[in-house]
Amino acid sequence: MDVTPARIRVAVADLAGTTVAEHTLPTPERTGVDIVARTGAALDGAAEAAGLARARLRRAVIGIQGAVDPGTGRLGYAAHIPGWHVPDVAGTLSEGLGVRVRIENDVNLSALAEQAGGEAAGVRDFVLLWVADGVGMAVVLNGALHRGATGGAGEIGYMPAVGAPLMRDVRRTHTGGVHSLTGGAAVLRLMREHGYRGRDAASALARAAADAEAEDGAARPDARHAGARHAGGPRETGPHGHGEDGGAGRGGEALRELATRLGATLATVVAVIDPALVVLTGDVLRAGGEPLRARVERQLHSLSIPRPAVRLSSVRGNPVLAGALQQALRETRDEVFSTA
């Protein structure tokens, strides 16, 4: 399951890993939310689409924009999702639904999907940066998710950031220094400052990325001619010109500014984690595509001693659902085929 404030999306898979049905339940209500009833309705819709009764479902893994504290069983970092702030939320759902339930952070599940069949396949130490409306990160160390003492590892949107006001007593969703510079609302403002409009951050950034890609292509023939004229020495480049950071037009400048913010955030993480790989995902970063990826990598490498590769996610479809299915399959197969 993939749970957001607006909807619950469910996929059902068999033991071979084949998805047999999907179902989406809109959830516009903000008050009087009964999460057992609401989640049960979403499960029943998916089970019916698969030709099954709910009782035939062995396990449910729920991805949500928050993190469960293993010490209390409560969901944190999720004030924007009503009804989910109950004691032992996973136990409450398991008992109420009659299905074993695990709750996992949505970005963590995206990392599992990336690890299973994406850019992080075979990589033991990596981080996955997610930017959509909010900003989050998954940390994988020695092949396993690192969740931290309270489940909040990777909630980097709340970190202080150079260039952002220093925010104290941060509690509200989508607040914090990093979020104020790189979250969806901040990206949309930045794109508009450079003349790019859109219904949201992803659509505005996609327009800027398309222009940047065209500018980069226009700059490359000039670079080849300059190389021929100055074959005796290296061509000077800089982060603002046609060299290392691509074309110098409006699109390239918009992406350079965003990449500088993202690179500075990642440099702090890289100094602590030292990952072999950084994966970029979420609606906003996907919209930036290769032009943004290349600029983020250059900015990061200019700011940190370790220089991990930076790659765009290659997981197709909904990465949260893909990761949830991976987790559910792993646990169910262990249970079914265990000889203990």
Protein backbone atom coordinates (compact mmCIF):
# COMPACT_ATOMS: atom_id res chain seq x y z
CA MET A 1 0.00 0.00 0.00
CA ASP A 2 1.02 3.58 -0.64
CA VAL A 3 -0.75 6.01 1.71
CA THR A 4 -0.89 9.77 1.17
CA PRO A 5 -3.31 12.36 2.55
CA ALA A 6 -5.31 12.22 -0.71
CA ARG A 7 -5.54 8.50 -1.44
CA ILE A 8 -4.57 4.92 -0.63
CA ARG A 9 -3.16 2.91 -3.52
CA VAL A 10 -3.00 -0.87 -3.18
CA ALA A 11 -1.38 -3.59 -5.26
CA VAL A 12 -1.90 -7.32 -4.76
CA ALA A 13 0.75 -9.82 -5.82
CA ASP A 14 1.00 -13.60 -5.77
CA LEU A 15 3.89 -15.52 -4.24
CA ALA A 16 5.78 -15.41 -7.54
CA GLY A 17 5.78 -11.61 -7.35
CA THR A 18 3.29 -11.05 -10.17
CA THR A 19 0.96 -8.12 -9.55
CA VAL A 20 -2.58 -9.41 -10.08
CA ALA A 21 -4.62 -6.31 -9.20
CA GLU A 22 -4.40 -2.66 -8.20
CA HIS A 23 -6.93 -0.36 -6.60
CA THR A 24 -6.96 3.30 -5.54
CA LEU A 25 -9.25 4.65 -2.82
CA PRO A 26 -9.59 8.47 -2.70
CA THR A 27 -9.39 9.76 0.89
CA PRO A 28 -10.44 13.43 0.89
CA GLU A 29 -11.88 13.41 4.43
CA ARG A 30 -9.75 15.20 7.03
CA THR A 31 -11.78 14.66 10.22
CA GLY A 32 -13.29 11.66 11.96
CA VAL A 33 -10.93 9.29 10.14
CA ASP A 34 -11.14 5.61 11.11
CA ILE A 35 -7.92 4.18 9.72
CA VAL A 36 -9.01 0.56 10.17
CA ALA A 37 -12.20 1.11 8.19
CA ARG A 38 -10.46 3.23 5.57
CA THR A 39 -7.55 0.83 5.09
CA GLY A 40 -9.95 -2.11 5.07
CA ALA A 41 -11.98 -0.52 2.28
CA ALA A 42 -8.80 -0.06 0.22
CA LEU A 43 -7.74 -3.67 0.85
CA ASP A 44 -11.18 -4.99 -0.01
CA GLY A 45 -11.23 -3.04 -3.26
CA ALA A 46 -7.88 -4.51 -4.31
CA ALA A 47 -8.82 -8.03 -3.18
CA GLU A 48 -12.09 -7.87 -5.10
CA ALA A 49 -10.23 -6.73 -8.23
CA ALA A 50 -8.00 -9.80 -7.82
CA GLY A 51 -10.98 -12.11 -7.33
CA LEU A 52 -10.07 -12.77 -3.69
CA ALA A 53 -11.52 -12.28 -0.24
CA ARG A 54 -9.52 -10.25 2.26
CA ALA A 55 -8.95 -13.41 4.29
CA ARG A 56 -6.79 -14.77 1.46
CA LEU A 57 -4.27 -11.95 1.90
CA ARG A 58 -1.32 -13.05 4.01
CA ARG A 59 0.46 -9.77 4.64
CA ALA A 60 0.23 -6.03 4.00
CA VAL A 61 3.13 -3.60 3.88
CA ILE A 62 2.08 0.03 4.11
CA GLY A 63 4.28 2.86 2.87
CA ILE A 64 3.47 6.22 4.41
CA GLN A 65 4.95 9.71 4.65
CA GLY A 66 6.19 9.26 8.19
CA ALA A 67 8.15 6.90 10.43
CA VAL A 68 7.09 4.53 13.20
CA ASP A 69 9.07 4.88 16.43
CA PRO A 70 10.00 1.28 17.37
CA GLY A 71 9.97 2.22 21.04
CA THR A 72 6.39 3.52 21.11
CA GLY A 73 4.77 2.10 17.98
CA ARG A 74 3.51 5.59 17.13
CA LEU A 75 3.78 7.23 13.73
CA GLY A 76 5.82 10.42 13.67
CA TYR A 77 6.65 13.02 11.01
CA ALA A 78 3.08 12.67 9.72
CA ALA A 79 0.93 15.43 11.20
CA HIS A 80 -0.52 16.00 7.72
CA ILE A 81 -2.10 12.52 7.58
CA PRO A 82 -5.14 12.45 9.90
CA GLY A 83 -6.19 9.41 11.92
CA TRP A 84 -2.86 7.59 11.93
CA HIS A 85 -1.60 8.89 15.28
CA VAL A 86 -2.74 6.03 17.51
CA PRO A 87 -0.74 3.85 19.91
CA ASP A 88 0.82 0.79 18.24
CA VAL A 89 -0.53 1.74 14.84
CA ALA A 90 0.72 -1.44 13.11
CA GLY A 91 -0.79 -3.66 15.83
CA THR A 92 -4.07 -1.75 15.69
CA LEU A 93 -4.32 -2.30 11.95
CA SER A 94 -3.24 -5.96 12.11
CA GLU A 95 -5.92 -6.73 14.69
CA GLY A 96 -8.62 -4.70 12.99
CA LEU A 97 -7.96 -5.98 9.46
CA GLY A 98 -7.16 -9.59 10.23
CA VAL A 99 -3.99 -9.28 8.12
CA ARG A 100 -0.39 -8.97 9.30
CA VAL A 101 0.64 -5.37 8.78
CA ARG A 102 4.04 -3.71 8.60
CA ILE A 103 4.32 0.08 8.28
CA GLU A 104 7.39 1.54 6.60
CA ASN A 105 8.47 4.97 5.51
CA ASP A 106 7.61 5.52 1.84
CA VAL A 107 11.09 6.68 0.87
CA ASN A 108 12.62 3.63 2.55
CA LEU A 109 10.38 1.42 0.43
CA SER A 110 11.52 3.26 -2.68
CA ALA A 111 15.10 2.39 -1.71
CA LEU A 112 14.16 -1.29 -1.41
CA ALA A 113 12.73 -1.17 -4.93
CA GLU A 114 15.91 0.50 -6.19
CA GLN A 115 18.00 -2.13 -4.46
CA ALA A 116 15.95 -5.00 -5.88
CA GLY A 117 15.95 -4.00 -9.54
CA GLY A 118 17.10 -0.44 -10.04
CA GLU A 119 20.26 1.64 -9.98
CA ALA A 120 21.27 0.38 -6.51
CA ALA A 121 21.24 -3.32 -7.38
CA GLY A 122 24.36 -4.85 -5.85
CA VAL A 123 25.34 -1.63 -4.01
CA ARG A 124 25.87 -2.16 -0.28
CA ASP A 125 26.01 1.48 0.84
CA PHE A 126 23.83 4.11 -0.81
CA VAL A 127 21.41 6.93 -0.11
CA LEU A 128 18.24 7.77 -2.00
CA LEU A 129 17.10 11.39 -2.11
CA TRP A 130 13.38 11.95 -2.67
CA VAL A 131 11.94 15.36 -3.55
CA ALA A 132 8.23 15.83 -4.23
CA ASP A 133 6.08 18.07 -2.04
CA GLY A 134 8.47 17.19 0.78
CA VAL A 135 12.08 16.10 1.03
CA GLY A 136 13.21 12.75 2.40
CA MET A 137 16.08 10.31 2.27
CA ALA A 138 16.59 6.59 2.68
CA VAL A 139 19.92 5.34 4.03
CA VAL A 140 21.13 1.83 3.20
CA LEU A 141 24.26 0.61 5.00
CA ASN A 142 25.85 -2.80 4.46
CA GLY A 143 22.85 -3.78 2.37
CA ALA A 144 20.19 -2.99 5.00
CA LEU A 145 17.95 0.00 5.68
CA HIS A 146 19.17 2.20 8.51
CA ARG A 147 16.14 3.57 10.36
CA GLY A 148 17.76 5.08 13.45
CA ALA A 149 16.84 4.89 17.13
CA THR A 150 13.38 6.46 16.68
CA GLY A 151 12.75 5.49 13.05
CA GLY A 152 13.53 8.98 11.78
CA ALA A 153 16.83 8.41 9.97
CA GLY A 154 16.69 10.22 6.64
CA GLU A 155 14.21 12.95 7.60
CA ILE A 156 16.63 15.49 6.16
CA GLY A 157 13.96 18.04 5.27
CA TYR A 158 14.14 19.13 8.91
CA MET A 159 17.91 19.73 8.87
CA PRO A 160 19.24 23.29 9.12
CA ALA A 161 20.64 24.60 5.85
CA VAL A 162 22.93 27.44 4.89
CA GLY A 163 20.87 30.18 3.26
CA ALA A 164 17.66 29.26 5.09
CA PRO A 165 16.34 30.77 8.32
CA LEU A 166 17.38 28.78 11.40
CA MET A 167 14.18 27.06 12.53
CA ARG A 168 13.86 25.83 16.11
CA ASP A 169 11.29 23.49 17.69
CA VAL A 170 10.48 22.09 14.26
CA ARG A 171 7.33 19.99 14.45
CA ARG A 172 5.09 20.88 11.54
CA THR A 173 5.24 18.88 8.31
CA HIS A 174 7.27 20.34 5.43
CA THR A 175 9.21 22.73 7.66
CA GLY A 176 12.94 22.87 8.26
CA GLY A 177 15.87 24.44 6.51
CA VAL A 178 16.44 21.84 3.78
CA HIS A 179 12.75 21.68 2.96
CA SER A 180 12.52 25.47 2.73
CA LEU A 181 15.21 25.44 0.01
CA THR A 182 14.54 22.20 -1.88
CA GLY A 183 10.95 21.10 -1.19
CA GLY A 184 8.28 21.26 -3.85
CA ALA A 185 7.05 24.75 -2.94
CA ALA A 186 10.61 26.10 -2.90
CA VAL A 187 11.42 24.55 -6.28
CA LEU A 188 8.26 26.03 -7.79
CA ARG A 189 9.21 29.49 -6.46
CA LEU A 190 12.70 29.15 -7.86
CA MET A 191 11.48 28.08 -11.29
CA ARG A 192 9.03 31.00 -11.39
CA GLU A 193 11.87 33.39 -10.52
CA HIS A 194 13.55 32.16 -13.70
CA GLY A 195 10.36 32.53 -15.75
CA TYR A 196 9.13 28.92 -15.72
CA ARG A 197 5.49 28.37 -14.89
CA GLY A 198 3.59 25.19 -14.18
CA ARG A 199 0.76 23.75 -12.14
CA ASP A 200 3.35 22.37 -9.70
CA ALA A 201 7.10 22.13 -9.12
CA ALA A 202 7.54 19.07 -11.34
CA SER A 203 5.86 20.62 -14.41
CA ALA A 204 7.75 23.91 -14.05
CA LEU A 205 11.06 22.12 -13.54
CA ALA A 206 10.42 19.89 -16.56
CA ARG A 207 10.16 23.00 -18.74
CA ALA A 208 13.41 24.36 -17.35
CA ALA A 209 15.12 21.00 -17.86
CA ALA A 210 13.97 20.85 -21.49
CA ASP A 211 15.46 24.28 -22.12
CA ALA A 212 18.66 23.34 -20.28
CA GLU A 213 19.02 20.21 -22.39
CA ALA A 214 18.66 22.27 -25.57
CA GLU A 215 21.18 24.80 -24.26
CA ASP A 216 23.62 22.03 -23.39
CA GLY A 217 23.29 20.61 -26.89
CA ALA A 218 23.90 24.02 -28.44
CA ALA A 219 27.00 24.49 -26.29
CA ARG A 220 28.67 21.21 -27.31
CA PRO A 221 29.61 22.13 -30.92
CA ASP A 222 31.20 25.35 -29.61
CA ALA A 223 33.13 23.26 -27.11
CA ARG A 224 34.46 20.99 -29.86
CA HIS A 225 35.51 23.94 -32.00
CA ALA A 226 37.19 25.60 -29.04
CA GLY A 227 39.01 22.36 -28.31
CA ALA A 228 40.30 22.24 -31.89
CA ARG A 229 41.49 25.86 -31.74
CA HIS A 230 43.16 25.43 -28.36
CA ALA A 231 44.45 21.89 -28.63
CA GLY A 232 47.61 22.90 -26.80
CA GLY A 233 45.92 23.29 -23.44
CA PRO A 234 42.78 22.66 -21.42
CA ARG A 235 39.74 24.80 -22.05
CA GLU A 236 38.73 26.93 -19.10
CA THR A 237 35.32 26.08 -17.70
CA GLY A 238 33.29 27.16 -14.73
CA PRO A 239 30.03 26.51 -12.96
CA HIS A 240 28.32 29.46 -14.69
CA GLY A 241 29.47 28.97 -18.28
CA HIS A 242 29.23 26.49 -21.13
CA GLY A 243 31.79 24.16 -19.60
CA GLU A 244 31.27 21.94 -16.62
CA ASP A 245 27.73 23.07 -15.91
CA GLY A 246 26.38 22.97 -19.46
CA GLY A 247 24.69 25.79 -21.33
CA ALA A 248 24.49 29.22 -19.75
CA GLY A 249 20.94 30.07 -20.77
CA ARG A 250 17.86 30.58 -18.64
CA GLY A 251 17.13 26.87 -18.20
CA GLY A 252 20.70 26.03 -17.30
CA GLU A 253 20.86 28.82 -14.75
CA ALA A 254 17.61 27.69 -13.09
CA LEU A 255 18.91 24.14 -12.82
CA ARG A 256 22.33 25.28 -11.63
CA GLU A 257 20.78 27.16 -8.73
CA LEU A 258 18.66 24.19 -7.71
CA ALA A 259 21.60 21.81 -8.13
CA THR A 260 23.71 24.03 -5.87
CA ARG A 261 21.10 23.71 -3.12
CA LEU A 262 20.80 19.96 -3.58
CA GLY A 263 24.55 19.47 -3.84
CA ALA A 264 25.15 21.32 -0.57
CA THR A 265 22.54 19.16 1.17
CA LEU A 266 24.04 15.97 -0.20
CA ALA A 267 27.58 17.04 0.70
CA THR A 268 26.58 17.10 4.37
CA VAL A 269 25.15 13.59 4.08
CA VAL A 270 28.14 12.25 2.14
CA ALA A 271 30.56 13.56 4.77
CA VAL A 272 28.78 11.47 7.42
CA ILE A 273 27.62 8.37 5.49
CA ASP A 274 30.26 8.06 2.72
CA PRO A 275 27.92 6.17 0.37
CA ALA A 276 29.02 4.58 -2.88
CA LEU A 277 25.94 5.90 -4.68
CA VAL A 278 23.31 8.64 -4.51
CA VAL A 279 19.97 7.90 -6.20
CA LEU A 280 17.63 10.77 -7.12
CA THR A 281 13.89 10.16 -7.22
CA GLY A 282 10.48 11.67 -6.43
CA ASP A 283 8.29 13.60 -8.86
CA VAL A 284 10.43 16.75 -8.74
CA LEU A 285 13.85 15.17 -9.24
CA ARG A 286 12.54 12.88 -11.96
CA ALA A 287 11.19 15.94 -13.76
CA GLY A 288 14.68 17.45 -13.77
CA GLY A 289 15.99 14.42 -15.63
CA GLU A 290 19.55 14.09 -16.86
CA PRO A 291 20.24 17.86 -17.05
CA LEU A 292 19.56 18.20 -13.31
CA ARG A 293 21.28 14.93 -12.39
CA ALA A 294 24.50 15.95 -14.12
CA ARG A 295 24.53 19.35 -12.41
CA VAL A 296 23.80 17.86 -8.98
CA GLU A 297 26.66 15.41 -9.40
CA ARG A 298 29.07 18.17 -10.39
CA GLN A 299 28.01 20.39 -7.50
CA LEU A 300 28.30 17.52 -5.02
CA HIS A 301 31.74 16.49 -6.27
CA SER A 302 32.96 20.08 -5.97
CA LEU A 303 31.87 20.18 -2.31
CA SER A 304 32.89 16.78 -0.92
CA ILE A 305 36.01 14.64 -0.76
CA PRO A 306 34.19 11.36 -1.42
CA ARG A 307 32.67 11.47 -4.89
CA PRO A 308 29.85 8.95 -5.11
CA ALA A 309 28.07 8.44 -8.40
CA VAL A 310 24.74 10.24 -8.70
CA ARG A 311 22.05 8.44 -10.71
CA LEU A 312 18.40 8.91 -11.54
CA SER A 313 16.07 6.18 -10.30
CA SER A 314 15.30 3.56 -12.93
CA VAL A 315 12.34 1.99 -11.07
CA ARG A 316 9.25 2.20 -13.25
CA GLY A 317 5.78 2.93 -11.99
CA ASN A 318 5.13 3.63 -8.32
CA PRO A 319 8.39 2.96 -6.41
CA VAL A 320 6.63 2.93 -3.03
CA LEU A 321 4.30 0.14 -4.13
CA ALA A 322 7.22 -1.70 -5.74
CA GLY A 323 9.20 -1.56 -2.50
CA ALA A 324 6.19 -2.57 -0.40
CA LEU A 325 5.66 -5.61 -2.62
CA GLN A 326 9.35 -6.52 -2.28
CA GLN A 327 9.13 -6.34 1.51
CA ALA A 328 5.85 -8.27 1.68
CA LEU A 329 7.16 -10.98 -0.66
CA ARG A 330 10.37 -11.36 1.31
CA GLU A 331 8.55 -11.78 4.60
CA THR A 332 5.85 -14.07 3.19
CA ARG A 333 8.34 -16.32 1.39
CA ASP A 334 10.42 -16.59 4.56
CA GLU A 335 7.30 -17.64 6.42
CA VAL A 336 6.01 -20.08 3.80
CA PHE A 337 9.31 -21.75 2.95
CA SER A 338 10.90 -21.70 6.39
CA THR A 339 12.00 -25.12 7.61
CA ALA A 340 12.27 -23.96 11.22
